[in-house]
C-alpha atoms as a PDB file:
ATOM      1  CA  SER A   1      42.465  38.822   5.984  1.00  0.00           C
ATOM      2  CA  MET A   2      43.438  38.972   2.319  1.00  0.00           C
ATOM      3  CA  ALA A   3      44.931  35.495   2.438  1.00  0.00           C
ATOM      4  CA  LEU A   4      41.679  34.066   3.752  1.00  0.00           C
ATOM      5  CA  GLN A   5      39.619  35.910   1.132  1.00  0.00           C
ATOM      6  CA  GLU A   6      41.914  34.601  -1.556  1.00  0.00           C
ATOM      7  CA  GLU A   7      41.586  31.077  -0.209  1.00  0.00           C
ATOM      8  CA  MET A   8      37.802  31.453  -0.089  1.00  0.00           C
ATOM      9  CA  SER A   9      37.570  32.610  -3.675  1.00  0.00           C
ATOM     10  CA  ASN A  10      39.958  29.873  -4.786  1.00  0.00           C
ATOM     11  CA  SER A  11      37.867  27.262  -3.046  1.00  0.00           C
ATOM     12  CA  SER A  12      34.660  28.568  -4.624  1.00  0.00           C
ATOM     13  CA  ASP A  13      36.396  28.362  -8.024  1.00  0.00           C
ATOM     14  CA  ALA A  14      37.337  24.782  -7.211  1.00  0.00           C
ATOM     15  CA  VAL A  15      33.761  23.981  -6.214  1.00  0.00           C
ATOM     16  CA  ARG A  16      32.466  25.519  -9.432  1.00  0.00           C
ATOM     17  CA  GLU A  17      34.937  23.511 -11.440  1.00  0.00           C
ATOM     18  CA  LEU A  18      33.919  20.308  -9.675  1.00  0.00           C
ATOM     19  CA  ARG A  19      30.263  21.074 -10.298  1.00  0.00           C
ATOM     20  CA  GLN A  20      30.951  21.694 -13.973  1.00  0.00           C
ATOM     21  CA  GLN A  21      32.749  18.340 -14.133  1.00  0.00           C
ATOM     22  CA  LEU A  22      29.751  16.737 -12.467  1.00  0.00           C
ATOM     23  CA  VAL A  23      27.334  18.299 -14.962  1.00  0.00           C
ATOM     24  CA  GLU A  24      29.634  17.006 -17.705  1.00  0.00           C
ATOM     25  CA  ALA A  25      29.933  13.521 -16.239  1.00  0.00           C
ATOM     26  CA  ARG A  26      26.176  13.287 -15.947  1.00  0.00           C
ATOM     27  CA  ALA A  27      25.702  14.434 -19.515  1.00  0.00           C
ATOM     28  CA  GLU A  28      28.285  11.848 -20.550  1.00  0.00           C
ATOM     29  CA  ALA A  29      26.320   9.134 -18.714  1.00  0.00           C
ATOM     30  CA  MET A  30      23.236  10.118 -20.711  1.00  0.00           C
ATOM     31  CA  ARG A  31      24.890   9.953 -24.065  1.00  0.00           C
ATOM     32  CA  ASP A  32      23.358  10.136 -27.474  1.00  0.00           C
ATOM     33  CA  GLU A  33      24.579   6.882 -29.001  1.00  0.00           C
ATOM     34  CA  LEU A  34      25.001   8.185 -32.516  1.00  0.00           C
ATOM     35  CA  THR A  35      26.958  11.365 -31.841  1.00  0.00           C
ATOM     36  CA  ASP A  36      28.550  10.611 -28.464  1.00  0.00           C
ATOM     37  CA  VAL A  37      27.458  13.882 -26.846  1.00  0.00           C
ATOM     38  CA  GLY A  38      24.786  14.282 -24.160  1.00  0.00           C
ATOM     39  CA  ASN A  39      21.214  13.401 -25.108  1.00  0.00           C
ATOM     40  CA  ARG A  40      18.023  15.417 -24.571  1.00  0.00           C
ATOM     41  CA  LYS A  41      17.700  14.189 -20.994  1.00  0.00           C
ATOM     42  CA  ALA A  42      21.287  15.230 -20.301  1.00  0.00           C
ATOM     43  CA  PHE A  43      20.435  18.657 -21.687  1.00  0.00           C
ATOM     44  CA  ASN A  44      17.367  19.010 -19.463  1.00  0.00           C
ATOM     45  CA  ASN A  45      19.445  18.173 -16.388  1.00  0.00           C
ATOM     46  CA  ALA A  46      22.389  20.351 -17.361  1.00  0.00           C
ATOM     47  CA  ILE A  47      20.315  23.461 -18.080  1.00  0.00           C
ATOM     48  CA  GLU A  48      18.617  23.220 -14.656  1.00  0.00           C
ATOM     49  CA  GLU A  49      21.916  22.730 -12.813  1.00  0.00           C
ATOM     50  CA  LEU A  50      23.735  25.474 -14.685  1.00  0.00           C
ATOM     51  CA  MET A  51      20.849  27.925 -14.209  1.00  0.00           C
ATOM     52  CA  PHE A  52      20.973  27.154 -10.497  1.00  0.00           C
ATOM     53  CA  ASP A  53      24.732  27.800 -10.460  1.00  0.00           C
ATOM     54  CA  ALA A  54      24.346  31.042 -12.398  1.00  0.00           C
ATOM     55  CA  LYS A  55      21.516  32.567 -10.408  1.00  0.00           C
ATOM     56  CA  ASP A  56      23.845  35.105  -8.771  1.00  0.00           C
ATOM     57  CA  THR A  57      25.619  35.881 -12.036  1.00  0.00           C
ATOM     58  CA  PRO A  58      22.771  35.503 -14.534  1.00  0.00           C
ATOM     59  CA  ASN A  59      24.520  37.156 -17.456  1.00  0.00           C
ATOM     60  CA  SER A  60      27.272  34.569 -17.436  1.00  0.00           C
ATOM     61  CA  LEU A  61      25.328  31.589 -18.814  1.00  0.00           C
ATOM     62  CA  TYR A  62      24.595  31.191 -22.522  1.00  0.00           C
ATOM     63  CA  LEU A  63      22.697  28.717 -24.632  1.00  0.00           C
ATOM     64  CA  VAL A  64      23.691  28.171 -28.237  1.00  0.00           C
ATOM     65  CA  MET A  65      21.267  26.185 -30.395  1.00  0.00           C
ATOM     66  CA  ALA A  66      22.930  24.793 -33.518  1.00  0.00           C
ATOM     67  CA  ASP A  67      21.098  23.266 -36.434  1.00  0.00           C
ATOM     68  CA  ILE A  68      22.367  21.743 -39.692  1.00  0.00           C
ATOM     69  CA  ASP A  69      20.714  23.560 -42.595  1.00  0.00           C
ATOM     70  CA  ASN A  70      18.412  21.684 -44.986  1.00  0.00           C
ATOM     71  CA  PHE A  71      19.273  18.405 -43.342  1.00  0.00           C
ATOM     72  CA  LYS A  72      16.125  16.684 -44.547  1.00  0.00           C
ATOM     73  CA  ASP A  73      17.046  17.348 -48.183  1.00  0.00           C
ATOM     74  CA  PHE A  74      20.541  16.140 -47.445  1.00  0.00           C
ATOM     75  CA  ASN A  75      19.172  12.891 -46.003  1.00  0.00           C
ATOM     76  CA  ASP A  76      16.838  12.445 -48.967  1.00  0.00           C
ATOM     77  CA  THR A  77      19.720  12.981 -51.400  1.00  0.00           C
ATOM     78  CA  TYR A  78      22.366  10.786 -49.785  1.00  0.00           C
ATOM     79  CA  GLY A  79      20.434   8.462 -47.495  1.00  0.00           C
ATOM     80  CA  HIS A  80      20.373   8.114 -43.722  1.00  0.00           C
ATOM     81  CA  LEU A  81      23.759   6.447 -43.344  1.00  0.00           C
ATOM     82  CA  VAL A  82      25.506   9.443 -44.863  1.00  0.00           C
ATOM     83  CA  GLY A  83      23.191  11.718 -42.878  1.00  0.00           C
ATOM     84  CA  ASP A  84      24.212   9.918 -39.684  1.00  0.00           C
ATOM     85  CA  SER A  85      27.893  10.292 -40.440  1.00  0.00           C
ATOM     86  CA  VAL A  86      27.407  14.013 -41.024  1.00  0.00           C
ATOM     87  CA  LEU A  87      25.723  14.316 -37.607  1.00  0.00           C
ATOM     88  CA  ARG A  88      28.634  12.409 -36.080  1.00  0.00           C
ATOM     89  CA  TYR A  89      31.119  14.654 -37.837  1.00  0.00           C
ATOM     90  CA  PHE A  90      29.341  17.829 -36.714  1.00  0.00           C
ATOM     91  CA  ALA A  91      29.282  16.624 -33.100  1.00  0.00           C
ATOM     92  CA  SER A  92      32.922  15.520 -33.106  1.00  0.00           C
ATOM     93  CA  MET A  93      33.960  18.865 -34.556  1.00  0.00           C
ATOM     94  CA  MET A  94      32.182  20.661 -31.717  1.00  0.00           C
ATOM     95  CA  LYS A  95      33.719  18.303 -29.150  1.00  0.00           C
ATOM     96  CA  LYS A  96      37.221  18.814 -30.512  1.00  0.00           C
ATOM     97  CA  THR A  97      37.082  22.576 -29.891  1.00  0.00           C
ATOM     98  CA  LYS A  98      35.042  22.335 -26.695  1.00  0.00           C
ATOM     99  CA  GLY A  99      35.925  24.567 -23.746  1.00  0.00           C
ATOM    100  CA  ASP A 100      35.951  23.282 -20.141  1.00  0.00           C
ATOM    101  CA  ASN A 101      32.953  25.499 -19.401  1.00  0.00           C
ATOM    102  CA  GLU A 102      30.773  23.862 -22.069  1.00  0.00           C
ATOM    103  CA  THR A 103      28.176  21.119 -22.069  1.00  0.00           C
ATOM    104  CA  ILE A 104      27.306  19.835 -25.546  1.00  0.00           C
ATOM    105  CA  CYS A 105      24.132  17.825 -26.158  1.00  0.00           C
ATOM    106  CA  ARG A 106      22.159  16.558 -29.094  1.00  0.00           C
ATOM    107  CA  PHE A 107      18.816  18.234 -28.652  1.00  0.00           C
ATOM    108  CA  GLY A 108      17.079  16.086 -31.247  1.00  0.00           C
ATOM    109  CA  GLY A 109      17.344  15.316 -34.949  1.00  0.00           C
ATOM    110  CA  GLU A 110      19.961  17.600 -36.466  1.00  0.00           C
ATOM    111  CA  GLU A 111      19.768  20.114 -33.634  1.00  0.00           C
ATOM    112  CA  PHE A 112      22.468  20.478 -30.983  1.00  0.00           C
ATOM    113  CA  ALA A 113      22.661  22.599 -27.848  1.00  0.00           C
ATOM    114  CA  ILE A 114      25.766  24.047 -26.228  1.00  0.00           C
ATOM    115  CA  LEU A 115      25.472  25.443 -22.721  1.00  0.00           C
ATOM    116  CA  ILE A 116      28.351  27.808 -21.985  1.00  0.00           C
ATOM    117  CA  ALA A 117      28.921  28.784 -18.360  1.00  0.00           C
ATOM    118  CA  GLU A 118      30.920  31.783 -17.136  1.00  0.00           C
ATOM    119  CA  SER A 119      30.946  33.382 -20.527  1.00  0.00           C
ATOM    120  CA  SER A 120      29.854  36.496 -22.410  1.00  0.00           C
ATOM    121  CA  MET A 121      27.707  37.142 -25.482  1.00  0.00           C
ATOM    122  CA  GLU A 122      30.892  37.975 -27.360  1.00  0.00           C
ATOM    123  CA  GLN A 123      32.516  34.638 -26.479  1.00  0.00           C
ATOM    124  CA  ALA A 124      29.344  32.654 -27.179  1.00  0.00           C
ATOM    125  CA  THR A 125      29.004  34.361 -30.569  1.00  0.00           C
ATOM    126  CA  GLU A 126      32.639  33.698 -31.380  1.00  0.00           C
ATOM    127  CA  ARG A 127      32.168  30.025 -30.493  1.00  0.00           C
ATOM    128  CA  ALA A 128      29.119  29.693 -32.731  1.00  0.00           C
ATOM    129  CA  GLU A 129      30.884  31.524 -35.572  1.00  0.00           C
ATOM    130  CA  GLY A 130      33.846  29.167 -35.228  1.00  0.00           C
ATOM    131  CA  ILE A 131      31.618  26.107 -35.610  1.00  0.00           C
ATOM    132  CA  ARG A 132      29.727  27.706 -38.497  1.00  0.00           C
ATOM    133  CA  LYS A 133      32.969  28.382 -40.390  1.00  0.00           C
ATOM    134  CA  ASP A 134      34.454  24.950 -39.635  1.00  0.00           C
ATOM    135  CA  ILE A 135      31.481  22.997 -40.957  1.00  0.00           C
ATOM    136  CA  GLN A 136      31.204  25.184 -44.049  1.00  0.00           C
ATOM    137  CA  ALA A 137      34.887  24.641 -44.800  1.00  0.00           C
ATOM    138  CA  ALA A 138      34.722  20.851 -44.375  1.00  0.00           C
ATOM    139  CA  HIS A 139      35.278  18.832 -47.529  1.00  0.00           C
ATOM    140  CA  LEU A 140      33.324  15.682 -46.880  1.00  0.00           C
ATOM    141  CA  LYS A 141      33.400  12.737 -49.246  1.00  0.00           C
ATOM    142  CA  GLN A 142      31.059   9.816 -49.601  1.00  0.00           C
ATOM    143  CA  ARG A 143      32.571   6.668 -48.182  1.00  0.00           C
ATOM    144  CA  ASN A 144      33.923   4.231 -50.806  1.00  0.00           C
ATOM    145  CA  SER A 145      33.832   6.935 -53.454  1.00  0.00           C
ATOM    146  CA  ASP A 146      35.687  10.130 -54.161  1.00  0.00           C
ATOM    147  CA  LYS A 147      32.485  11.974 -54.846  1.00  0.00           C
ATOM    148  CA  PRO A 148      32.385  15.061 -52.641  1.00  0.00           C
ATOM    149  CA  LEU A 149      29.236  15.729 -50.657  1.00  0.00           C
ATOM    150  CA  LYS A 150      27.631  19.091 -51.091  1.00  0.00           C
ATOM    151  CA  THR A 151      28.741  21.742 -48.625  1.00  0.00           C
ATOM    152  CA  ILE A 152      27.024  21.624 -45.262  1.00  0.00           C
ATOM    153  CA  THR A 153      26.047  24.814 -43.497  1.00  0.00           C
ATOM    154  CA  SER A 154      24.536  25.420 -40.086  1.00  0.00           C
ATOM    155  CA  SER A 155      22.492  28.077 -38.304  1.00  0.00           C
ATOM    156  CA  PHE A 156      22.744  29.249 -34.700  1.00  0.00           C
ATOM    157  CA  GLY A 157      20.596  30.974 -32.110  1.00  0.00           C
ATOM    158  CA  ILE A 158      22.051  32.344 -28.882  1.00  0.00           C
ATOM    159  CA  ALA A 159      20.268  33.257 -25.655  1.00  0.00           C
ATOM    160  CA  GLN A 160      21.576  34.726 -22.429  1.00  0.00           C
ATOM    161  CA  PHE A 161      20.263  33.529 -19.065  1.00  0.00           C
ATOM    162  CA  HIS A 162      18.316  36.321 -17.342  1.00  0.00           C
ATOM    163  CA  GLY A 163      18.353  35.028 -13.771  1.00  0.00           C
ATOM    164  CA  ASP A 164      15.307  35.046 -11.497  1.00  0.00           C
ATOM    165  CA  LYS A 165      12.840  36.144 -14.142  1.00  0.00           C
ATOM    166  CA  ASP A 166      13.910  33.253 -16.362  1.00  0.00           C
ATOM    167  CA  ASP A 167      13.221  29.545 -16.429  1.00  0.00           C
ATOM    168  CA  ALA A 168      14.450  26.735 -18.666  1.00  0.00           C
ATOM    169  CA  LYS A 169      11.428  27.124 -20.930  1.00  0.00           C
ATOM    170  CA  SER A 170      11.812  30.864 -21.574  1.00  0.00           C
ATOM    171  CA  PHE A 171      15.615  30.595 -21.839  1.00  0.00           C
ATOM    172  CA  LEU A 172      15.300  27.847 -24.433  1.00  0.00           C
ATOM    173  CA  GLU A 173      12.515  29.663 -26.241  1.00  0.00           C
ATOM    174  CA  ARG A 174      14.711  32.717 -26.860  1.00  0.00           C
ATOM    175  CA  ALA A 175      17.523  30.552 -28.224  1.00  0.00           C
ATOM    176  CA  ASP A 176      15.008  28.753 -30.450  1.00  0.00           C
ATOM    177  CA  ASN A 177      13.497  31.994 -31.700  1.00  0.00           C
ATOM    178  CA  ALA A 178      16.958  33.330 -32.492  1.00  0.00           C
ATOM    179  CA  LEU A 179      17.724  30.102 -34.387  1.00  0.00           C
ATOM    180  CA  TYR A 180      14.432  30.420 -36.266  1.00  0.00           C
ATOM    181  CA  LEU A 181      15.350  33.993 -37.214  1.00  0.00           C
ATOM    182  CA  ALA A 182      18.755  32.800 -38.487  1.00  0.00           C
ATOM    183  CA  LYS A 183      16.904  30.350 -40.752  1.00  0.00           C
ATOM    184  CA  GLU A 184      14.465  33.007 -41.888  1.00  0.00           C
ATOM    185  CA  LYS A 185      17.278  35.401 -42.740  1.00  0.00           C
ATOM    186  CA  GLY A 186      18.778  32.848 -45.113  1.00  0.00           C
ATOM    187  CA  ARG A 187      20.584  30.289 -42.907  1.00  0.00           C
ATOM    188  CA  ASN A 188      24.330  29.791 -42.390  1.00  0.00           C
ATOM    189  CA  GLN A 189      24.499  32.539 -39.769  1.00  0.00           C
ATOM    190  CA  VAL A 190      24.471  33.295 -36.071  1.00  0.00           C
ATOM    191  CA  VAL A 191      21.635  35.299 -34.499  1.00  0.00           C
ATOM    192  CA  ASP A 192      21.466  36.278 -30.840  1.00  0.00           C
ATOM    193  CA  GLU A 193      18.449  37.186 -28.725  1.00  0.00           C
ATOM    194  CA  GLU A 194      19.254  40.903 -28.937  1.00  0.00           C
ATOM    195  CA  GLN A 195      18.579  40.770 -32.681  1.00  0.00           C
ATOM    196  CA  LEU A 196      15.130  39.341 -31.932  1.00  0.00           C
ATOM    197  CA  LEU A 197      14.187  42.585 -30.219  1.00  0.00           C
ATOM    198  CA  SER A 198      15.396  44.754 -33.076  1.00  0.00           C
ATOM    199  CA  GLU A 199      13.547  42.551 -35.595  1.00  0.00           C
ATOM    200  CA  LYS A 200      10.392  42.903 -33.527  1.00  0.00           C
ATOM    201  CA  ALA A 201      10.859  46.672 -33.542  1.00  0.00           C
ATOM    202  CA  VAL A 202      11.213  46.575 -37.331  1.00  0.00           C
ATOM    203  CA  ASP A 203       8.045  44.469 -37.612  1.00  0.00           C
ATOM    204  CA  ALA A 204       6.159  46.954 -35.457  1.00  0.00           C
ATOM    205  CA  LYS A 205       7.201  49.770 -37.785  1.00  0.00           C
ATOM    206  CA  LYS A 206       5.983  48.017 -40.927  1.00  0.00           C
END
């Protein structure tokens, strides 16, 4: 009956929601102390669980790798304490605008990963663009002085989960390669895995 079908689909939504909360709670338990988002171990767990959940709807899971541009120079200029507060700021900004279908982790150093379930390339791109614009627009000052810090920009790579023919390593690799391409193209931009293919085609023509 229709009513039963409706109830079934509602209950599978509820189960999905509970699982997402579980993924979140686990990531929260494995927190990066500095930035208060999940740590690398949390990321490794979350990507496996979310890939498992998305195996029937592979095109619904996205990985956004975010990286603060020229962070090493920034650290060398202002020192690690200021560098740390910038990392904290970047993470808190992402957390503030976080959707219920997202798991945010610090991947390492100045690199963050956002896993977005039940999404689309358009939504994932919009999310990355939003973060990119927010950090660029931030007017950060050095503590105990009115001296403004130089503008911070960030680069992003986005990959889409391809289902059975994909594993965590290849999924992550595409996001990383897209991020690397964003850096190569001049930073402060979002590149998705589809652009990797067109760049490769351009390289082949050269």
